[in-house]
Amino acid sequence: MFARTRATAAAARRLRPAWSRPAVRAQPTRALSQTVAAAAAYEPNANFMQVFNRGVKRIQRDRAAVDVETSREVDYLRDEIADRLVDRLLLISRQHDVLLDFGSGAGALERAMMSDREDPTAKEDLQRRTGRVVMAEMSEKLLYRDADPDQFPFNRELDITRVRVDEENLLTADVLRAVTGDPGVVGDERPADALFENTVNAVVSNLSMHWVNDLPGVLRKIKHMLVPDGIFMAAMLGGDSLYELRTSLQLAEMERDGRIAPRLSPLADVKDMGGLLQQAGYNLITVDVDDVIVSYPDMFALMRDLQAMGESNSVFVRPHVIPRDVLLAAQAIYSAMHGNEDGTLPATFRIIYLAGWKPAPTQPKPLERGSADVSLKDVL
C-alpha cells in the first residue's frame, strides 16, 4: 500500500533556495577526446541495458564539486531528504555496527545524523548505535568536499571511511576493506563475491539510485552484503519528478522543431521499485512517496541548480545543446501552465522511499492459511 503525501507549505518554504547567491560559474571545457575517454572507463560490457552514461555522470559530479560554495548551496534538496531518512532510521532501535552510505555524495546523511533534533537524546542515541560508516561515492571530488573535521564536525563524531567506487560495481577490494575494517583482507585483485556476504548491518542511499542502470543487480548485491535481518533504506527521485520542466520542454520542441528529444532522464515508478525489491528477495517491503515542491524565480534558475547539483541529463542518446528559441518558448510555457501567483515557478521532486529487510528466521511471518480463530464475516 503506497502512502502518497505532499510536502506542506512550510516544507516548501524551507526548501526555497537563496537566490542572492552568485550564478553557477562555468567550468573549463575539456577536449571531447578527454571526455569520451573518461566516460568509456565507466562503460563495462554488461549484460543489462545501459541507459545512463556513468562516466559522464562522474564528470558532471566532479565539475559540480569544483565550485565548492555553489555546490554546498544547492544541497538543499539532498539535505532535506537526508533529514527525513534519519527520522526513519531513528525508528529502528538496533545496533548498526557497519552502515554503508550508498552514493553518499559529500555526506548529507552523516551531517543529518549528527545534527540537533527535536528530541535532545536522538543525536547521542544514533551516535551510540552506529559503528563504522562507509561512504561510497563515484566522484572523488564530491566525496572529499566536506571531509575537513574542523569545518564539519560529523567527521569527528562518526567513524567514517570514504571509498571512491562506481556504485554499480560495488563489490570491489576497496569496499571490502572498508566494510570489514581489515586492510589486509584482500589484495588488489577483485575479491570473490562470497567475501562480501553478511558484512554490513544497514545500507542507506540518499538520492543516488535514480542514476543506476542495473537496479535489479544492485539490489541483489546490497542484499548479499547485508547481515540476516539487516535493512536497506533508500530515497530516490522517480515517477513524475520535474514534470513541469519536462512538459514545458516537450511542448516547446514540438512547436519549434516538430519533434521531442530526451532532455530529461527517465525515472523509475513506484510500482517498479516495489516489484524490484520483491524480485531481489527482500522481506517486509515498504514503499511510499512524497512530493517536495521547490519554487524558483524562472526555469533557468532551476536548470542552473540542477547542473550545480550534478544532476544534469546523462542518458547515452541525448542532445548536447538546447536551441535558444526552444529555451525561451519553454520558459513562457512553464510560466503559463505551471506558474505560481507570485510569479515564481514550482518544480516538483517526487521522492520514492524504499525499505526492505534481508530474510532471517527471526522475522515475523504470516500465519498458516486456515489458522485464524475469528471469522471476518462475524466481525463485519
Protein backbone atom coordinates (compact mmCIF):
# COMPACT_ATOMS: atom_id res chain seq x y z
CA MET A 1 0.00 0.00 0.00
CA PHE A 2 1.50 3.30 -1.10
CA ALA A 3 1.14 6.37 1.09
CA ARG A 4 1.11 9.43 -1.14
CA THR A 5 1.77 12.66 0.71
CA ARG A 6 2.54 16.18 -0.41
CA ALA A 7 5.08 18.49 1.13
CA THR A 8 3.50 21.14 3.33
CA ALA A 9 3.77 24.83 2.53
CA ALA A 10 6.22 25.19 5.42
CA ALA A 11 8.43 22.46 3.96
CA ALA A 12 8.31 24.10 0.54
CA ARG A 13 9.34 27.44 2.06
CA ARG A 14 12.15 25.75 3.96
CA LEU A 15 13.49 24.32 0.70
CA ARG A 16 13.24 27.59 -1.21
CA PRO A 17 16.77 28.28 -2.49
CA ALA A 18 18.57 31.52 -1.61
CA TRP A 19 18.74 33.45 -4.86
CA SER A 20 21.20 36.04 -3.58
CA ARG A 21 23.99 33.60 -4.30
CA PRO A 22 26.16 34.11 -7.41
CA ALA A 23 25.28 32.26 -10.59
CA VAL A 24 26.96 28.94 -11.27
CA ARG A 25 30.35 29.62 -12.76
CA ALA A 26 31.23 27.84 -15.97
CA GLN A 27 33.92 25.19 -15.64
CA PRO A 28 36.82 24.91 -18.09
CA THR A 29 35.80 22.91 -21.13
CA ARG A 30 37.56 19.60 -21.61
CA ALA A 31 38.54 18.35 -25.02
CA LEU A 32 35.96 15.95 -26.47
CA SER A 33 38.53 13.16 -26.63
CA GLN A 34 39.23 13.53 -22.88
CA THR A 35 35.54 13.40 -22.01
CA VAL A 36 34.94 10.36 -24.21
CA ALA A 37 37.97 8.58 -22.74
CA ALA A 38 36.85 9.26 -19.17
CA ALA A 39 33.31 8.12 -19.94
CA ALA A 40 34.50 4.96 -21.68
CA ALA A 41 36.22 3.83 -18.49
CA TYR A 42 32.77 3.56 -16.90
CA GLU A 43 31.09 1.54 -19.67
CA PRO A 44 31.67 -2.14 -18.83
CA ASN A 45 30.48 -4.88 -21.16
CA ALA A 46 27.41 -5.54 -19.06
CA ASN A 47 24.57 -7.92 -19.87
CA PHE A 48 21.92 -5.37 -18.93
CA MET A 49 20.57 -2.35 -20.78
CA GLN A 50 22.58 0.78 -20.11
CA VAL A 51 20.51 3.95 -20.21
CA PHE A 52 22.81 6.28 -18.25
CA ASN A 53 26.42 7.02 -19.08
CA ARG A 54 28.08 6.55 -15.69
CA GLY A 55 31.31 8.13 -16.89
CA VAL A 56 29.51 11.31 -17.88
CA LYS A 57 27.68 11.31 -14.57
CA ARG A 58 31.00 11.13 -12.69
CA ILE A 59 32.33 14.05 -14.75
CA GLN A 60 29.19 16.07 -14.00
CA ARG A 61 29.57 15.47 -10.27
CA ASP A 62 33.29 16.26 -10.36
CA ARG A 63 32.64 19.54 -12.15
CA ALA A 64 29.84 20.43 -9.73
CA ALA A 65 32.08 19.80 -6.72
CA VAL A 66 34.85 22.07 -8.06
CA ASP A 67 32.72 25.14 -7.28
CA VAL A 68 32.59 24.28 -3.59
CA GLU A 69 30.42 27.12 -2.28
CA THR A 70 27.78 26.82 -5.01
CA SER A 71 27.80 23.04 -4.66
CA ARG A 72 27.03 23.39 -0.95
CA GLU A 73 24.32 26.00 -1.54
CA VAL A 74 22.37 23.71 -3.89
CA ASP A 75 22.44 20.80 -1.44
CA TYR A 76 19.08 21.96 -0.03
CA LEU A 77 17.14 19.03 -1.54
CA ARG A 78 19.68 16.37 -0.60
CA ASP A 79 19.93 17.80 2.94
CA GLU A 80 16.16 17.79 3.38
CA ILE A 81 15.75 14.19 2.20
CA ALA A 82 18.72 13.09 4.33
CA ASP A 83 16.97 14.58 7.35
CA ARG A 84 13.82 12.61 6.56
CA LEU A 85 15.82 9.40 6.11
CA VAL A 86 17.43 9.89 9.51
CA ASP A 87 13.97 10.31 11.06
CA ARG A 88 13.14 6.87 9.68
CA LEU A 89 16.47 5.43 10.78
CA LEU A 90 15.79 6.60 14.35
CA LEU A 91 12.68 4.41 14.42
CA ILE A 92 14.88 1.30 14.11
CA SER A 93 16.20 0.73 17.61
CA ARG A 94 19.09 -1.60 16.90
CA GLN A 95 22.85 -1.50 16.62
CA HIS A 96 24.38 -0.83 13.20
CA ASP A 97 27.99 -1.95 13.54
CA VAL A 98 28.62 -1.21 9.84
CA LEU A 99 26.45 1.25 7.91
CA LEU A 100 27.03 1.68 4.17
CA ASP A 101 26.02 5.02 2.65
CA PHE A 102 25.38 4.09 -0.99
CA GLY A 103 26.07 7.08 -3.26
CA SER A 104 26.96 9.28 -0.33
CA GLY A 105 27.84 12.49 -2.15
CA ALA A 106 29.59 14.89 0.22
CA GLY A 107 27.99 13.38 3.34
CA ALA A 108 24.50 14.84 3.66
CA LEU A 109 23.30 11.73 5.51
CA GLU A 110 26.17 11.81 8.01
CA ARG A 111 25.64 15.53 8.62
CA ALA A 112 21.93 14.90 9.24
CA MET A 113 22.72 12.03 11.62
CA MET A 114 24.81 14.35 13.79
CA SER A 115 22.53 17.39 13.62
CA ASP A 116 20.40 18.54 16.55
CA ARG A 117 16.78 17.33 16.52
CA GLU A 118 13.62 17.99 18.48
CA ASP A 119 14.43 15.03 20.70
CA PRO A 120 17.62 16.12 22.53
CA THR A 121 18.69 12.48 23.02
CA ALA A 122 18.31 11.49 19.33
CA LYS A 123 21.81 12.53 18.23
CA GLU A 124 23.54 10.79 21.13
CA ASP A 125 21.39 7.69 20.68
CA LEU A 126 22.15 7.44 16.96
CA GLN A 127 25.84 8.04 17.56
CA ARG A 128 25.92 5.28 20.17
CA ARG A 129 24.09 2.79 17.91
CA THR A 130 26.23 3.48 14.83
CA GLY A 131 29.62 1.87 14.44
CA ARG A 132 31.66 2.25 11.26
CA VAL A 133 30.13 4.36 8.45
CA VAL A 134 31.35 3.63 4.91
CA MET A 135 30.69 6.41 2.42
CA ALA A 136 30.70 5.05 -1.15
CA GLU A 137 30.64 7.62 -3.96
CA MET A 138 31.79 7.61 -7.60
CA SER A 139 33.05 11.24 -7.61
CA GLU A 140 36.23 11.65 -5.59
CA LYS A 141 35.95 15.46 -5.57
CA LEU A 142 32.41 15.29 -4.19
CA LEU A 143 33.29 12.53 -1.73
CA TYR A 144 36.03 14.62 -0.06
CA ARG A 145 34.39 18.04 -0.45
CA ASP A 146 33.33 18.21 3.21
CA ALA A 147 35.98 15.96 4.75
CA ASP A 148 37.58 18.67 6.93
CA PRO A 149 36.75 17.73 10.57
CA ASP A 150 37.37 21.27 11.81
CA GLN A 151 34.76 22.71 9.44
CA PHE A 152 32.37 19.73 9.54
CA PRO A 153 32.31 18.08 12.99
CA PHE A 154 30.40 15.00 11.82
CA ASN A 155 33.75 13.71 10.53
CA ARG A 156 34.92 13.50 14.16
CA GLU A 157 31.62 12.40 15.68
CA LEU A 158 31.30 9.33 13.44
CA ASP A 159 33.82 6.67 12.48
CA ILE A 160 33.82 7.37 8.72
CA THR A 161 35.66 5.59 5.93
CA ARG A 162 35.42 7.09 2.43
CA VAL A 163 35.64 4.89 -0.68
CA ARG A 164 35.56 6.09 -4.25
CA VAL A 165 33.70 3.45 -6.22
CA ASP A 166 31.16 3.30 -9.01
CA GLU A 167 28.06 2.16 -7.14
CA GLU A 168 27.10 -0.19 -9.98
CA ASN A 169 30.35 -2.10 -9.37
CA LEU A 170 30.03 -2.21 -5.60
CA LEU A 171 31.86 -5.47 -4.87
CA THR A 172 35.44 -4.19 -5.06
CA ALA A 173 38.53 -4.72 -2.93
CA ASP A 174 38.39 -1.17 -1.54
CA VAL A 175 34.78 -1.61 -0.41
CA LEU A 176 35.59 -4.96 1.21
CA ARG A 177 38.49 -3.43 3.17
CA ALA A 178 36.24 -0.57 4.29
CA VAL A 179 33.28 -2.66 5.48
CA THR A 180 35.45 -5.26 7.24
CA GLY A 181 37.89 -2.72 8.69
CA ASP A 182 40.76 -5.02 7.66
CA PRO A 183 43.26 -3.51 5.17
CA GLY A 184 44.82 -6.93 4.56
CA VAL A 185 41.64 -8.89 3.97
CA VAL A 186 42.29 -8.99 0.23
CA GLY A 187 44.84 -7.85 -2.34
CA ASP A 188 44.26 -5.60 -5.32
CA GLU A 189 42.54 -8.32 -7.33
CA ARG A 190 38.75 -8.43 -7.48
CA PRO A 191 37.59 -10.37 -4.40
CA ALA A 192 35.16 -13.27 -4.58
CA ASP A 193 31.53 -12.30 -4.06
CA ALA A 194 31.27 -14.70 -1.12
CA LEU A 195 33.62 -12.49 0.93
CA PHE A 196 31.02 -9.69 0.94
CA GLU A 197 28.22 -11.81 2.40
CA ASN A 198 26.89 -10.63 5.78
CA THR A 199 29.37 -7.73 6.08
CA VAL A 200 27.07 -4.72 6.70
CA ASN A 201 24.15 -4.17 9.06
CA ALA A 202 22.40 -1.39 7.15
CA VAL A 203 22.59 0.21 3.72
CA VAL A 204 21.14 3.70 3.23
CA SER A 205 21.01 5.60 -0.06
CA ASN A 206 20.13 9.29 -0.37
CA LEU A 207 19.10 10.49 -3.87
CA SER A 208 21.57 8.36 -5.79
CA MET A 209 19.82 5.25 -7.09
CA HIS A 210 17.91 7.03 -9.87
CA TRP A 211 21.19 7.07 -11.88
CA VAL A 212 21.79 3.32 -11.58
CA ASN A 213 21.41 1.28 -14.79
CA ASP A 214 21.23 -2.21 -13.29
CA LEU A 215 18.76 -1.66 -10.43
CA PRO A 216 17.89 -5.39 -10.05
CA GLY A 217 21.58 -6.32 -9.91
CA VAL A 218 22.48 -3.58 -7.43
CA LEU A 219 19.57 -4.52 -5.13
CA ARG A 220 20.75 -8.13 -5.14
CA LYS A 221 24.33 -7.09 -4.33
CA ILE A 222 23.14 -4.95 -1.43
CA LYS A 223 21.04 -7.83 -0.05
CA HIS A 224 24.07 -10.12 -0.40
CA MET A 225 26.15 -7.72 1.73
CA LEU A 226 23.52 -7.31 4.46
CA VAL A 227 23.53 -9.47 7.56
CA PRO A 228 20.36 -11.52 8.14
CA ASP A 229 17.58 -9.14 9.20
CA GLY A 230 19.68 -6.19 8.01
CA ILE A 231 17.86 -3.24 6.48
CA PHE A 232 18.13 -1.48 3.14
CA MET A 233 16.66 2.02 3.11
CA ALA A 234 16.71 4.48 0.21
CA ALA A 235 15.22 7.67 -1.15
CA MET A 236 15.36 8.25 -4.90
CA LEU A 237 13.87 10.56 -7.49
CA GLY A 238 11.17 8.84 -9.51
CA GLY A 239 7.77 8.95 -11.13
CA ASP A 240 6.72 12.41 -12.31
CA SER A 241 9.68 14.34 -10.90
CA LEU A 242 10.15 17.68 -12.66
CA TYR A 243 7.06 17.07 -14.80
CA GLU A 244 6.64 20.84 -15.15
CA LEU A 245 10.06 21.21 -16.77
CA ARG A 246 9.64 18.04 -18.82
CA THR A 247 6.28 19.01 -20.33
CA SER A 248 7.37 22.60 -20.99
CA LEU A 249 10.45 21.48 -22.95
CA GLN A 250 8.46 18.87 -24.86
CA LEU A 251 5.75 21.34 -25.90
CA ALA A 252 8.35 23.95 -26.87
CA GLU A 253 10.26 21.46 -29.04
CA MET A 254 7.09 20.23 -30.70
CA GLU A 255 6.17 23.82 -31.51
CA ARG A 256 9.61 24.82 -32.79
CA ASP A 257 11.04 21.62 -34.31
CA GLY A 258 8.11 19.22 -34.64
CA ARG A 259 9.88 16.54 -32.58
CA ILE A 260 10.76 15.63 -28.99
CA ALA A 261 14.29 14.94 -27.73
CA PRO A 262 15.18 13.16 -24.43
CA ARG A 263 16.03 16.31 -22.46
CA LEU A 264 15.35 14.77 -19.03
CA SER A 265 16.36 11.34 -17.80
CA PRO A 266 13.78 8.55 -17.48
CA LEU A 267 12.85 7.64 -13.91
CA ALA A 268 11.51 4.52 -12.22
CA ASP A 269 7.92 4.41 -10.99
CA VAL A 270 6.66 3.41 -7.56
CA LYS A 271 5.21 0.10 -8.79
CA ASP A 272 8.51 -0.72 -10.49
CA MET A 273 10.55 -0.29 -7.31
CA GLY A 274 8.20 -2.35 -5.16
CA GLY A 275 8.38 -5.16 -7.68
CA LEU A 276 12.18 -4.96 -7.95
CA LEU A 277 12.60 -5.20 -4.17
CA GLN A 278 10.34 -8.25 -4.13
CA GLN A 279 12.19 -9.79 -7.07
CA ALA A 280 15.54 -9.25 -5.31
CA GLY A 281 14.29 -11.25 -2.32
CA TYR A 282 13.70 -8.61 0.36
CA ASN A 283 11.13 -9.14 3.11
CA LEU A 284 8.80 -6.68 4.89
CA ILE A 285 8.95 -4.26 1.98
CA THR A 286 7.70 -0.68 2.37
CA VAL A 287 7.39 1.82 -0.47
CA ASP A 288 5.91 5.30 -0.13
CA VAL A 289 6.01 8.60 -1.99
CA ASP A 290 6.43 12.25 -1.07
CA ASP A 291 6.19 15.27 -3.35
CA VAL A 292 8.63 18.04 -2.46
CA ILE A 293 7.86 21.31 -4.26
CA VAL A 294 10.53 23.99 -4.59
CA SER A 295 9.81 27.43 -6.06
CA TYR A 296 12.28 29.08 -8.47
CA PRO A 297 12.27 32.59 -9.97
CA ASP A 298 12.44 31.16 -13.51
CA MET A 299 13.20 27.99 -15.44
CA PHE A 300 16.82 28.95 -15.95
CA ALA A 301 17.44 29.13 -12.19
CA LEU A 302 16.10 25.59 -11.87
CA MET A 303 18.36 24.34 -14.68
CA ARG A 304 21.41 26.09 -13.16
CA ASP A 305 20.75 24.44 -9.82
CA LEU A 306 20.32 21.00 -11.40
CA GLN A 307 23.68 21.47 -13.09
CA ALA A 308 25.32 22.62 -9.87
CA MET A 309 23.87 19.56 -8.08
CA GLY A 310 25.49 17.27 -10.66
CA GLU A 311 22.00 16.19 -11.74
CA SER A 312 22.22 17.06 -15.42
CA ASN A 313 20.99 14.60 -18.04
CA SER A 314 23.40 11.69 -18.63
CA VAL A 315 21.39 9.47 -20.98
CA PHE A 316 23.62 7.90 -23.65
CA VAL A 317 21.45 9.12 -26.53
CA ARG A 318 20.83 12.76 -25.72
CA PRO A 319 21.24 16.10 -27.49
CA HIS A 320 24.01 18.22 -26.00
CA VAL A 321 22.54 21.64 -26.86
CA ILE A 322 19.08 23.16 -26.39
CA PRO A 323 18.43 25.89 -29.01
CA ARG A 324 17.85 29.35 -27.60
CA ASP A 325 14.40 29.70 -29.16
CA VAL A 326 13.31 26.40 -27.56
CA LEU A 327 14.50 27.59 -24.15
CA LEU A 328 12.64 30.89 -24.42
CA ALA A 329 9.49 29.13 -25.59
CA ALA A 330 9.77 26.59 -22.75
CA GLN A 331 10.13 29.42 -20.19
CA ALA A 332 6.94 31.03 -21.48
CA ILE A 333 5.05 27.71 -21.47
CA TYR A 334 6.32 26.85 -17.98
CA SER A 335 5.11 30.20 -16.63
CA ALA A 336 1.73 30.00 -18.37
CA MET A 337 0.93 26.37 -17.45
CA HIS A 338 2.52 25.95 -14.02
CA GLY A 339 3.43 29.38 -12.64
CA ASN A 340 2.56 30.44 -9.09
CA GLU A 341 0.54 33.56 -8.31
CA ASP A 342 3.66 35.35 -7.05
CA GLY A 343 5.42 34.84 -10.39
CA THR A 344 7.71 32.01 -9.26
CA LEU A 345 7.79 28.61 -10.94
CA PRO A 346 7.23 25.38 -8.96
CA ALA A 347 9.37 22.29 -9.50
CA THR A 348 8.05 19.01 -8.13
CA PHE A 349 10.57 16.43 -6.92
CA ARG A 350 8.80 13.12 -6.38
CA ILE A 351 10.73 11.16 -3.78
CA ILE A 352 10.27 7.39 -3.60
CA TYR A 353 11.20 5.95 -0.20
CA LEU A 354 12.17 2.28 -0.08
CA ALA A 355 12.73 -0.09 2.82
CA GLY A 356 13.37 -3.82 2.76
CA TRP A 357 14.91 -6.38 5.09
CA LYS A 358 17.15 -9.32 4.31
CA PRO A 359 15.28 -12.53 5.18
CA ALA A 360 16.01 -14.06 8.58
CA PRO A 361 14.37 -16.86 10.63
CA THR A 362 13.54 -14.39 13.41
CA GLN A 363 11.40 -12.12 11.24
CA PRO A 364 7.60 -12.04 11.66
CA LYS A 365 5.82 -14.44 9.32
CA PRO A 366 2.17 -14.72 8.28
CA LEU A 367 0.11 -17.42 9.98
CA GLU A 368 -0.73 -20.55 8.05
CA ARG A 369 -3.84 -20.44 5.94
CA GLY A 370 -6.90 -21.53 7.92
CA SER A 371 -5.32 -21.00 11.37
CA ALA A 372 -7.46 -17.96 12.30
CA ASP A 373 -9.94 -18.43 15.16
CA VAL A 374 -12.06 -15.35 14.33
CA SER A 375 -14.20 -15.14 11.21
CA LEU A 376 -14.05 -11.91 9.25
CA LYS A 377 -17.71 -12.47 8.42
CA ASP A 378 -18.59 -12.28 12.12
CA VAL A 379 -16.60 -9.07 12.57
CA LEU A 380 -18.24 -7.32 9.64
